């Protein structure tokens, strides 16, 4: 049979996270700290709006761009939270933030355009750039810099083909954030080199020490920033698959074309639930964030007790411990931990080569599960080191 698979697709490796999920499913007593998914149920008042949408027959297609009321609420919410001034016409509601990233890249990239990606990075960034015909250019961020991007690092990777900087703060997998001062420094470089930013801010509501600053809110940055966000992490709505992107209207008009031909619209039921989340969900976020903060502090304390070095994450719900002293690759460490103790963590290399020597631990799990995970981790270390 003729080989029908795209040559481009053949170069894309499967997700480094999924391998561990698949193995974990076959182990009955396995504890997984690998999934980036809140363990809270969707708050009832939000779920109830989805149920009401079904009961009242609001189950038809919405506008391709998203329900007008939802886009208006997204506009108001982002202005209130982050001083972002996007009108309803500068917003596209998507099937999760993942679709938003994909269609933004496909709309902007020409063959051989370079897109700067900050590693360790969310697993889909480099593959999506490659599938869109672009060239991923990797900046390896450093633990000693708290996994922040510096202006010197950015400057040194810009070429005549650089078009986009793809940023993700608060960051998955490291939990790093960029302060307003950090972003101002970066924005000057972006403006000087006439670049675009795609800013994935899906964890914007989950910061623990310093409030989130959106790079699009800085002077002269709105017209060169596409801001991506969604409902999955802040409101524990992962399965509702609801996200959005915001940007200057000339770019939005072009991005909409791809959205029109690939997705008729995001789930109308989810959109109605999203309206309720934005209007009345602030207290839900506060409650969940307080829980995450307690879990984060517990894990940091316990990892320190076990002698494992870890950067203090200030956002998202991940810890990125340094396990290089154990003289195993991150994949070997994670594999042996899974096989011996039935405990799932994600090897740092799932997030790019820059993640070697690290593992990602999610604390979007109950405290009781985290305590059992620490017991198993301690047992593993005592038996092997």
Foldseek 3Di string as FASTA:
>chain_A
DDPPDDPLVVVDDPQLLVVLVVVLVVPVPFFELADQFFPDDQPPVLVVLLVVCVVVVVFDFDALQAHLLLLQLVQVLCCVQAVFHFHSLQKRKFQALVVVLLLLLLLPDDAAQEEEEEPLADLCNQSSNSVSRYHYDYQQADVVVVSADALVSVVVRDDPRYAEYEEEPVGPPALGHAAPVRLVRNVVSCVVSVHAYEYEDQFQLQFADHHHHDSCNDPPHQQRYKYKYFCCQQRSPVVQRIIMIGGPNVSVVSSSVVSVVPPVHRGSSSSSSSSCCSVPVPVVSVVSSVQLVVLLVVVVVLCVVLVWDWRRRRTRFKTKTFQVVLVDWQVVVQVVLCVPQSYHWRQLCSSPPSSTRIIMGGSSDHPVSVVVNSVSVSVVVVVRD
